[in-house]
Amino acid sequence: MRAAAQIVPAFIPGVAPIYIGGRVILSLSELIPTIGKIFAGSNNEFFSNLEAFNKAMSFSSSDYVQGSAESGMDSHIWSMETALKLIADVFTQLEE
């Protein structure tokens, strides 16, 4: 469902420009803290807070895919979840 929710809006004629513009802005909001930390120093509070906010708002993979040393789970990088995420990323980037 998440993959479909990422792909479908990019191909709806009236929604596509707004959706793609939003995705571009989100990508830039991930890039700005990185560049800011390069020039202002890695301990800059503003850029650290902005980076933390972006990470909190981004999608993450399930515990099954990530694995966990504490629980003894291995990571499962070759899973359906990872494949669908890759397909969704490819289609939306092609449309962008």
PDB file of N, CA and C in Angstrom:
ATOM      1  N   MET A   1       0.824  -1.191   0.000  1.00  0.00           N
ATOM      2  CA  MET A   1       0.000   0.000   0.000  1.00  0.00           C
ATOM      3  C   MET A   1       0.870   1.257   0.000  1.00  0.00           C
ATOM      4  N   ARG A   2       1.965   1.215   0.754  1.00  0.00           N
ATOM      5  CA  ARG A   2       2.821   2.393   0.814  1.00  0.00           C
ATOM      6  C   ARG A   2       3.450   2.667  -0.545  1.00  0.00           C
ATOM      7  N   ALA A   3       3.860   1.600  -1.248  1.00  0.00           N
ATOM      8  CA  ALA A   3       4.451   1.774  -2.575  1.00  0.00           C
ATOM      9  C   ALA A   3       3.438   2.371  -3.541  1.00  0.00           C
ATOM     10  N   ALA A   4       2.206   1.898  -3.491  1.00  0.00           N
ATOM     11  CA  ALA A   4       1.158   2.444  -4.356  1.00  0.00           C
ATOM     12  C   ALA A   4       0.877   3.900  -4.011  1.00  0.00           C
ATOM     13  N   ALA A   5       0.886   4.222  -2.731  1.00  0.00           N
ATOM     14  CA  ALA A   5       0.637   5.601  -2.311  1.00  0.00           C
ATOM     15  C   ALA A   5       1.747   6.537  -2.766  1.00  0.00           C
ATOM     16  N   GLN A   6       2.941   6.011  -2.978  1.00  0.00           N
ATOM     17  CA  GLN A   6       4.042   6.838  -3.464  1.00  0.00           C
ATOM     18  C   GLN A   6       3.986   7.001  -4.975  1.00  0.00           C
ATOM     19  N   ILE A   7       3.542   5.974  -5.689  1.00  0.00           N
ATOM     20  CA  ILE A   7       3.585   5.988  -7.148  1.00  0.00           C
ATOM     21  C   ILE A   7       2.381   6.696  -7.756  1.00  0.00           C
ATOM     22  N   VAL A   8       1.186   6.370  -7.315  1.00  0.00           N
ATOM     23  CA  VAL A   8      -0.046   6.816  -7.969  1.00  0.00           C
ATOM     24  C   VAL A   8      -0.176   8.337  -8.073  1.00  0.00           C
ATOM     25  N   PRO A   9       0.081   9.129  -7.026  1.00  0.00           N
ATOM     26  CA  PRO A   9      -0.099  10.579  -7.177  1.00  0.00           C
ATOM     27  C   PRO A   9       0.796  11.210  -8.243  1.00  0.00           C
ATOM     28  N   ALA A  10       1.925  10.596  -8.536  1.00  0.00           N
ATOM     29  CA  ALA A  10       2.840  11.148  -9.534  1.00  0.00           C
ATOM     30  C   ALA A  10       2.278  11.046 -10.945  1.00  0.00           C
ATOM     31  N   PHE A  11       1.267  10.196 -11.152  1.00  0.00           N
ATOM     32  CA  PHE A  11       0.717  10.001 -12.486  1.00  0.00           C
ATOM     33  C   PHE A  11      -0.687  10.566 -12.652  1.00  0.00           C
ATOM     34  N   ILE A  12      -1.229  11.233 -11.642  1.00  0.00           N
ATOM     35  CA  ILE A  12      -2.539  11.870 -11.751  1.00  0.00           C
ATOM     36  C   ILE A  12      -2.310  13.284 -12.292  1.00  0.00           C
ATOM     37  N   PRO A  13      -2.910  13.622 -13.438  1.00  0.00           N
ATOM     38  CA  PRO A  13      -2.578  14.888 -14.108  1.00  0.00           C
ATOM     39  C   PRO A  13      -2.674  16.142 -13.241  1.00  0.00           C
ATOM     40  N   GLY A  14      -3.704  16.363 -12.489  1.00  0.00           N
ATOM     41  CA  GLY A  14      -3.823  17.590 -11.709  1.00  0.00           C
ATOM     42  C   GLY A  14      -3.004  17.593 -10.435  1.00  0.00           C
ATOM     43  N   VAL A  15      -2.703  16.425  -9.938  1.00  0.00           N
ATOM     44  CA  VAL A  15      -2.008  16.285  -8.654  1.00  0.00           C
ATOM     45  C   VAL A  15      -0.498  16.169  -8.832  1.00  0.00           C
ATOM     46  N   ALA A  16      -0.062  15.657  -9.980  1.00  0.00           N
ATOM     47  CA  ALA A  16       1.353  15.340 -10.203  1.00  0.00           C
ATOM     48  C   ALA A  16       2.301  16.515  -9.958  1.00  0.00           C
ATOM     49  N   PRO A  17       2.044  17.711 -10.501  1.00  0.00           N
ATOM     50  CA  PRO A  17       3.010  18.804 -10.268  1.00  0.00           C
ATOM     51  C   PRO A  17       3.160  19.171  -8.790  1.00  0.00           C
ATOM     52  N   ILE A  18       2.052  19.169  -8.075  1.00  0.00           N
ATOM     53  CA  ILE A  18       2.105  19.502  -6.646  1.00  0.00           C
ATOM     54  C   ILE A  18       2.824  18.411  -5.873  1.00  0.00           C
ATOM     55  N   TYR A  19       2.502  17.165  -6.171  1.00  0.00           N
ATOM     56  CA  TYR A  19       3.110  16.027  -5.484  1.00  0.00           C
ATOM     57  C   TYR A  19       4.614  15.973  -5.745  1.00  0.00           C
ATOM     58  N   ILE A  20       5.000  16.138  -6.997  1.00  0.00           N
ATOM     59  CA  ILE A  20       6.421  16.079  -7.347  1.00  0.00           C
ATOM     60  C   ILE A  20       7.165  17.268  -6.741  1.00  0.00           C
ATOM     61  N   GLY A  21       6.540  18.442  -6.749  1.00  0.00           N
ATOM     62  CA  GLY A  21       7.150  19.605  -6.110  1.00  0.00           C
ATOM     63  C   GLY A  21       7.362  19.379  -4.622  1.00  0.00           C
ATOM     64  N   GLY A  22       6.386  18.761  -3.975  1.00  0.00           N
ATOM     65  CA  GLY A  22       6.528  18.438  -2.550  1.00  0.00           C
ATOM     66  C   GLY A  22       7.655  17.470  -2.291  1.00  0.00           C
ATOM     67  N   ARG A  23       7.800  16.469  -3.165  1.00  0.00           N
ATOM     68  CA  ARG A  23       8.892  15.509  -3.009  1.00  0.00           C
ATOM     69  C   ARG A  23      10.253  16.172  -3.208  1.00  0.00           C
ATOM     70  N   VAL A  24      10.323  17.107  -4.139  1.00  0.00           N
ATOM     71  CA  VAL A  24      11.580  17.824  -4.362  1.00  0.00           C
ATOM     72  C   VAL A  24      11.925  18.668  -3.135  1.00  0.00           C
ATOM     73  N   ILE A  25      10.928  19.331  -2.563  1.00  0.00           N
ATOM     74  CA  ILE A  25      11.157  20.134  -1.354  1.00  0.00           C
ATOM     75  C   ILE A  25      11.613  19.248  -0.197  1.00  0.00           C
ATOM     76  N   LEU A  26      10.999  18.072  -0.062  1.00  0.00           N
ATOM     77  CA  LEU A  26      11.433  17.142   0.994  1.00  0.00           C
ATOM     78  C   LEU A  26      12.873  16.686   0.779  1.00  0.00           C
ATOM     79  N   SER A  27      13.237  16.427  -0.471  1.00  0.00           N
ATOM     80  CA  SER A  27      14.619  16.032  -0.754  1.00  0.00           C
ATOM     81  C   SER A  27      15.592  17.148  -0.395  1.00  0.00           C
ATOM     82  N   LEU A  28      15.219  18.380  -0.718  1.00  0.00           N
ATOM     83  CA  LEU A  28      16.075  19.510  -0.357  1.00  0.00           C
ATOM     84  C   LEU A  28      16.161  19.693   1.147  1.00  0.00           C
ATOM     85  N   SER A  29      15.060  19.411   1.851  1.00  0.00           N
ATOM     86  CA  SER A  29      15.091  19.568   3.305  1.00  0.00           C
ATOM     87  C   SER A  29      16.004  18.531   3.956  1.00  0.00           C
ATOM     88  N   GLU A  30      16.290  17.448   3.258  1.00  0.00           N
ATOM     89  CA  GLU A  30      17.265  16.479   3.763  1.00  0.00           C
ATOM     90  C   GLU A  30      18.686  16.906   3.425  1.00  0.00           C
ATOM     91  N   LEU A  31      18.848  17.623   2.329  1.00  0.00           N
ATOM     92  CA  LEU A  31      20.169  18.043   1.882  1.00  0.00           C
ATOM     93  C   LEU A  31      20.678  19.267   2.649  1.00  0.00           C
ATOM     94  N   ILE A  32      19.792  20.184   2.984  1.00  0.00           N
ATOM     95  CA  ILE A  32      20.183  21.444   3.636  1.00  0.00           C
ATOM     96  C   ILE A  32      20.915  21.220   4.965  1.00  0.00           C
ATOM     97  N   PRO A  33      20.437  20.329   5.861  1.00  0.00           N
ATOM     98  CA  PRO A  33      21.195  20.129   7.108  1.00  0.00           C
ATOM     99  C   PRO A  33      22.604  19.577   6.872  1.00  0.00           C
ATOM    100  N   THR A  34      22.746  18.725   5.873  1.00  0.00           N
ATOM    101  CA  THR A  34      24.060  18.157   5.589  1.00  0.00           C
ATOM    102  C   THR A  34      25.027  19.234   5.127  1.00  0.00           C
ATOM    103  N   ILE A  35      24.582  20.060   4.198  1.00  0.00           N
ATOM    104  CA  ILE A  35      25.439  21.137   3.704  1.00  0.00           C
ATOM    105  C   ILE A  35      25.691  22.165   4.809  1.00  0.00           C
ATOM    106  N   GLY A  36      24.664  22.470   5.594  1.00  0.00           N
ATOM    107  CA  GLY A  36      24.827  23.417   6.690  1.00  0.00           C
ATOM    108  C   GLY A  36      25.838  22.947   7.712  1.00  0.00           C
ATOM    109  N   LYS A  37      25.825  21.646   8.012  1.00  0.00           N
ATOM    110  CA  LYS A  37      26.801  21.117   8.979  1.00  0.00           C
ATOM    111  C   LYS A  37      28.220  21.160   8.434  1.00  0.00           C
ATOM    112  N   ILE A  38      28.353  21.066   7.122  1.00  0.00           N
ATOM    113  CA  ILE A  38      29.689  21.146   6.526  1.00  0.00           C
ATOM    114  C   ILE A  38      30.280  22.535   6.770  1.00  0.00           C
ATOM    115  N   PHE A  39      29.463  23.568   6.558  1.00  0.00           N
ATOM    116  CA  PHE A  39      29.970  24.930   6.672  1.00  0.00           C
ATOM    117  C   PHE A  39      29.908  25.491   8.091  1.00  0.00           C
ATOM    118  N   ALA A  40      28.894  25.109   8.863  1.00  0.00           N
ATOM    119  CA  ALA A  40      28.724  25.678  10.204  1.00  0.00           C
ATOM    120  C   ALA A  40      29.303  24.801  11.305  1.00  0.00           C
ATOM    121  N   GLY A  41      29.691  23.600  10.982  1.00  0.00           N
ATOM    122  CA  GLY A  41      30.226  22.689  11.988  1.00  0.00           C
ATOM    123  C   GLY A  41      29.186  21.643  12.369  1.00  0.00           C
ATOM    124  N   SER A  42      29.656  20.479  12.722  1.00  0.00           N
ATOM    125  CA  SER A  42      28.748  19.367  12.988  1.00  0.00           C
ATOM    126  C   SER A  42      27.965  19.517  14.284  1.00  0.00           C
ATOM    127  N   ASN A  43      28.362  20.418  15.147  1.00  0.00           N
ATOM    128  CA  ASN A  43      27.650  20.586  16.416  1.00  0.00           C
ATOM    129  C   ASN A  43      26.675  21.772  16.392  1.00  0.00           C
ATOM    130  N   ASN A  44      26.305  22.239  15.201  1.00  0.00           N
ATOM    131  CA  ASN A  44      25.354  23.338  15.071  1.00  0.00           C
ATOM    132  C   ASN A  44      23.966  22.849  15.469  1.00  0.00           C
ATOM    133  N   GLU A  45      23.361  23.492  16.454  1.00  0.00           N
ATOM    134  CA  GLU A  45      22.084  23.038  17.012  1.00  0.00           C
ATOM    135  C   GLU A  45      20.937  23.132  16.003  1.00  0.00           C
ATOM    136  N   PHE A  46      20.883  24.210  15.224  1.00  0.00           N
ATOM    137  CA  PHE A  46      19.798  24.382  14.260  1.00  0.00           C
ATOM    138  C   PHE A  46      19.785  23.269  13.225  1.00  0.00           C
ATOM    139  N   PHE A  47      20.946  23.000  12.625  1.00  0.00           N
ATOM    140  CA  PHE A  47      21.008  21.973  11.589  1.00  0.00           C
ATOM    141  C   PHE A  47      20.822  20.576  12.174  1.00  0.00           C
ATOM    142  N   SER A  48      21.266  20.357  13.393  1.00  0.00           N
ATOM    143  CA  SER A  48      21.040  19.068  14.052  1.00  0.00           C
ATOM    144  C   SER A  48      19.557  18.846  14.312  1.00  0.00           C
ATOM    145  N   ASN A  49      18.855  19.886  14.753  1.00  0.00           N
ATOM    146  CA  ASN A  49      17.413  19.775  14.981  1.00  0.00           C
ATOM    147  C   ASN A  49      16.661  19.561  13.675  1.00  0.00           C
ATOM    148  N   LEU A  50      17.070  20.246  12.617  1.00  0.00           N
ATOM    149  CA  LEU A  50      16.435  20.079  11.317  1.00  0.00           C
ATOM    150  C   LEU A  50      16.645  18.660  10.784  1.00  0.00           C
ATOM    151  N   GLU A  51      17.832  18.128  10.964  1.00  0.00           N
ATOM    152  CA  GLU A  51      18.129  16.760  10.541  1.00  0.00           C
ATOM    153  C   GLU A  51      17.304  15.753  11.335  1.00  0.00           C
ATOM    154  N   ALA A  52      17.178  15.962  12.633  1.00  0.00           N
ATOM    155  CA  ALA A  52      16.375  15.065  13.474  1.00  0.00           C
ATOM    156  C   ALA A  52      14.903  15.115  13.074  1.00  0.00           C
ATOM    157  N   PHE A  53      14.398  16.307  12.763  1.00  0.00           N
ATOM    158  CA  PHE A  53      13.008  16.437  12.321  1.00  0.00           C
ATOM    159  C   PHE A  53      12.780  15.686  11.012  1.00  0.00           C
ATOM    160  N   ASN A  54      13.702  15.825  10.070  1.00  0.00           N
ATOM    161  CA  ASN A  54      13.573  15.120   8.789  1.00  0.00           C
ATOM    162  C   ASN A  54      13.588  13.612   8.974  1.00  0.00           C
ATOM    163  N   LYS A  55      14.445  13.119   9.849  1.00  0.00           N
ATOM    164  CA  LYS A  55      14.494  11.677  10.105  1.00  0.00           C
ATOM    165  C   LYS A  55      13.212  11.192  10.770  1.00  0.00           C
ATOM    166  N   ALA A  56      12.626  12.008  11.629  1.00  0.00           N
ATOM    167  CA  ALA A  56      11.380  11.628  12.292  1.00  0.00           C
ATOM    168  C   ALA A  56      10.219  11.574  11.313  1.00  0.00           C
ATOM    169  N   MET A  57      10.256  12.373  10.258  1.00  0.00           N
ATOM    170  CA  MET A  57       9.170  12.429   9.292  1.00  0.00           C
ATOM    171  C   MET A  57       9.350  11.459   8.128  1.00  0.00           C
ATOM    172  N   SER A  58      10.493  10.823   8.025  1.00  0.00           N
ATOM    173  CA  SER A  58      10.728   9.928   6.887  1.00  0.00           C
ATOM    174  C   SER A  58      10.236   8.513   7.193  1.00  0.00           C
ATOM    175  N   PHE A  59       9.941   7.787   6.112  1.00  0.00           N
ATOM    176  CA  PHE A  59       9.527   6.388   6.256  1.00  0.00           C
ATOM    177  C   PHE A  59      10.727   5.552   6.658  1.00  0.00           C
ATOM    178  N   SER A  60      10.475   4.547   7.455  1.00  0.00           N
ATOM    179  CA  SER A  60      11.550   3.644   7.827  1.00  0.00           C
ATOM    180  C   SER A  60      11.143   2.221   7.480  1.00  0.00           C
ATOM    181  N   SER A  61      12.102   1.342   7.488  1.00  0.00           N
ATOM    182  CA  SER A  61      11.847  -0.062   7.202  1.00  0.00           C
ATOM    183  C   SER A  61      11.423  -0.780   8.478  1.00  0.00           C
ATOM    184  N   SER A  62      10.799  -1.912   8.310  1.00  0.00           N
ATOM    185  CA  SER A  62      10.344  -2.684   9.463  1.00  0.00           C
ATOM    186  C   SER A  62      11.526  -3.323  10.189  1.00  0.00           C
ATOM    187  N   ASP A  63      11.271  -3.815  11.374  1.00  0.00           N
ATOM    188  CA  ASP A  63      12.303  -4.507  12.140  1.00  0.00           C
ATOM    189  C   ASP A  63      12.793  -5.753  11.408  1.00  0.00           C
ATOM    190  N   TYR A  64      11.897  -6.386  10.654  1.00  0.00           N
ATOM    191  CA  TYR A  64      12.270  -7.584   9.901  1.00  0.00           C
ATOM    192  C   TYR A  64      13.363  -7.261   8.891  1.00  0.00           C
ATOM    193  N   VAL A  65      13.249  -6.137   8.198  1.00  0.00           N
ATOM    194  CA  VAL A  65      14.235  -5.755   7.192  1.00  0.00           C
ATOM    195  C   VAL A  65      15.512  -5.256   7.851  1.00  0.00           C
ATOM    196  N   GLN A  66      15.383  -4.434   8.880  1.00  0.00           N
ATOM    197  CA  GLN A  66      16.566  -3.847   9.519  1.00  0.00           C
ATOM    198  C   GLN A  66      17.338  -4.844  10.361  1.00  0.00           C
ATOM    199  N   GLY A  67      16.646  -5.779  10.998  1.00  0.00           N
ATOM    200  CA  GLY A  67      17.309  -6.686  11.919  1.00  0.00           C
ATOM    201  C   GLY A  67      17.643  -5.964  13.212  1.00  0.00           C
ATOM    202  N   SER A  68      17.964  -6.701  14.219  1.00  0.00           N
ATOM    203  CA  SER A  68      18.275  -6.095  15.501  1.00  0.00           C
ATOM    204  C   SER A  68      19.261  -6.975  16.243  1.00  0.00           C
ATOM    205  N   ALA A  69      20.360  -6.383  16.658  1.00  0.00           N
ATOM    206  CA  ALA A  69      21.364  -7.145  17.393  1.00  0.00           C
ATOM    207  C   ALA A  69      20.837  -7.562  18.760  1.00  0.00           C
ATOM    208  N   GLU A  70      20.005  -6.693  19.382  1.00  0.00           N
ATOM    209  CA  GLU A  70      19.488  -7.000  20.715  1.00  0.00           C
ATOM    210  C   GLU A  70      18.549  -8.205  20.695  1.00  0.00           C
ATOM    211  N   SER A  71      17.728  -8.282  19.648  1.00  0.00           N
ATOM    212  CA  SER A  71      16.759  -9.377  19.588  1.00  0.00           C
ATOM    213  C   SER A  71      17.313 -10.604  18.883  1.00  0.00           C
ATOM    214  N   GLY A  72      18.519 -10.490  18.352  1.00  0.00           N
ATOM    215  CA  GLY A  72      19.124 -11.626  17.676  1.00  0.00           C
ATOM    216  C   GLY A  72      18.601 -11.834  16.271  1.00  0.00           C
ATOM    217  N   MET A  73      17.887 -10.853  15.720  1.00  0.00           N
ATOM    218  CA  MET A  73      17.342 -10.978  14.370  1.00  0.00           C
ATOM    219  C   MET A  73      18.393 -10.571  13.343  1.00  0.00           C
ATOM    220  N   ASP A  74      18.460 -11.305  12.256  1.00  0.00           N
ATOM    221  CA  ASP A  74      19.317 -10.926  11.142  1.00  0.00           C
ATOM    222  C   ASP A  74      18.566  -9.948  10.255  1.00  0.00           C
ATOM    223  N   SER A  75      19.312  -9.119   9.530  1.00  0.00           N
ATOM    224  CA  SER A  75      18.645  -8.220   8.583  1.00  0.00           C
ATOM    225  C   SER A  75      18.258  -9.014   7.341  1.00  0.00           C
ATOM    226  N   HIS A  76      17.147  -8.662   6.746  1.00  0.00           N
ATOM    227  CA  HIS A  76      16.635  -9.337   5.558  1.00  0.00           C
ATOM    228  C   HIS A  76      16.503  -8.306   4.445  1.00  0.00           C
ATOM    229  N   ILE A  77      17.642  -7.945   3.854  1.00  0.00           N
ATOM    230  CA  ILE A  77      17.656  -6.910   2.833  1.00  0.00           C
ATOM    231  C   ILE A  77      16.913  -7.359   1.576  1.00  0.00           C
ATOM    232  N   TRP A  78      16.906  -8.647   1.285  1.00  0.00           N
ATOM    233  CA  TRP A  78      16.219  -9.166   0.098  1.00  0.00           C
ATOM    234  C   TRP A  78      14.816  -9.607   0.490  1.00  0.00           C
ATOM    235  N   SER A  79      13.953  -8.646   0.707  1.00  0.00           N
ATOM    236  CA  SER A  79      12.580  -8.955   1.092  1.00  0.00           C
ATOM    237  C   SER A  79      11.615  -8.236   0.151  1.00  0.00           C
ATOM    238  N   MET A  80      10.344  -8.615   0.226  1.00  0.00           N
ATOM    239  CA  MET A  80       9.322  -7.982  -0.603  1.00  0.00           C
ATOM    240  C   MET A  80       9.192  -6.498  -0.257  1.00  0.00           C
ATOM    241  N   GLU A  81       9.316  -6.170   1.021  1.00  0.00           N
ATOM    242  CA  GLU A  81       9.228  -4.772   1.448  1.00  0.00           C
ATOM    243  C   GLU A  81      10.313  -3.929   0.785  1.00  0.00           C
ATOM    244  N   THR A  82      11.528  -4.428   0.748  1.00  0.00           N
ATOM    245  CA  THR A  82      12.630  -3.698   0.144  1.00  0.00           C
ATOM    246  C   THR A  82      12.442  -3.570  -1.368  1.00  0.00           C
ATOM    247  N   ALA A  83      11.979  -4.643  -2.005  1.00  0.00           N
ATOM    248  CA  ALA A  83      11.753  -4.612  -3.456  1.00  0.00           C
ATOM    249  C   ALA A  83      10.661  -3.605  -3.816  1.00  0.00           C
ATOM    250  N   LEU A  84       9.566  -3.585  -3.067  1.00  0.00           N
ATOM    251  CA  LEU A  84       8.489  -2.638  -3.354  1.00  0.00           C
ATOM    252  C   LEU A  84       8.927  -1.197  -3.114  1.00  0.00           C
ATOM    253  N   LYS A  85       9.736  -0.982  -2.093  1.00  0.00           N
ATOM    254  CA  LYS A  85      10.247   0.375  -1.826  1.00  0.00           C
ATOM    255  C   LYS A  85      11.147   0.827  -2.971  1.00  0.00           C
ATOM    256  N   LEU A  86      11.970  -0.075  -3.476  1.00  0.00           N
ATOM    257  CA  LEU A  86      12.845   0.246  -4.595  1.00  0.00           C
ATOM    258  C   LEU A  86      12.036   0.573  -5.845  1.00  0.00           C
ATOM    259  N   ILE A  87      11.014  -0.214  -6.123  1.00  0.00           N
ATOM    260  CA  ILE A  87      10.169   0.029  -7.294  1.00  0.00           C
ATOM    261  C   ILE A  87       9.468   1.378  -7.175  1.00  0.00           C
ATOM    262  N   ALA A  88       8.932   1.677  -5.999  1.00  0.00           N
ATOM    263  CA  ALA A  88       8.267   2.965  -5.796  1.00  0.00           C
ATOM    264  C   ALA A  88       9.237   4.121  -5.983  1.00  0.00           C
ATOM    265  N   ASP A  89      10.452   3.991  -5.475  1.00  0.00           N
ATOM    266  CA  ASP A  89      11.447   5.052  -5.633  1.00  0.00           C
ATOM    267  C   ASP A  89      11.823   5.257  -7.100  1.00  0.00           C
ATOM    268  N   VAL A  90      11.986   4.163  -7.833  1.00  0.00           N
ATOM    269  CA  VAL A  90      12.365   4.260  -9.239  1.00  0.00           C
ATOM    270  C   VAL A  90      11.267   4.954 -10.038  1.00  0.00           C
ATOM    271  N   PHE A  91      10.013   4.544  -9.869  1.00  0.00           N
ATOM    272  CA  PHE A  91       8.916   5.144 -10.619  1.00  0.00           C
ATOM    273  C   PHE A  91       8.721   6.622 -10.280  1.00  0.00           C
ATOM    274  N   THR A  92       8.804   6.982  -9.024  1.00  0.00           N
ATOM    275  CA  THR A  92       8.619   8.389  -8.676  1.00  0.00           C
ATOM    276  C   THR A  92       9.801   9.242  -9.139  1.00  0.00           C
ATOM    277  N   GLN A  93      11.007   8.700  -9.110  1.00  0.00           N
ATOM    278  CA  GLN A  93      12.149   9.456  -9.596  1.00  0.00           C
ATOM    279  C   GLN A  93      12.100   9.624 -11.113  1.00  0.00           C
ATOM    280  N   LEU A  94      11.631   8.612 -11.822  1.00  0.00           N
ATOM    281  CA  LEU A  94      11.459   8.741 -13.270  1.00  0.00           C
ATOM    282  C   LEU A  94      10.429   9.811 -13.592  1.00  0.00           C
ATOM    283  N   GLU A  95       9.359   9.864 -12.844  1.00  0.00           N
ATOM    284  CA  GLU A  95       8.328  10.876 -13.075  1.00  0.00           C
ATOM    285  C   GLU A  95       8.824  12.267 -12.699  1.00  0.00           C
ATOM    286  N   GLU A  96       9.670  12.359 -11.674  1.00  0.00           N
ATOM    287  CA  GLU A  96      10.231  13.667 -11.287  1.00  0.00           C
ATOM    288  C   GLU A  96      11.125  14.188 -12.380  1.00  0.00           C
TER     289      GLU A  96
END
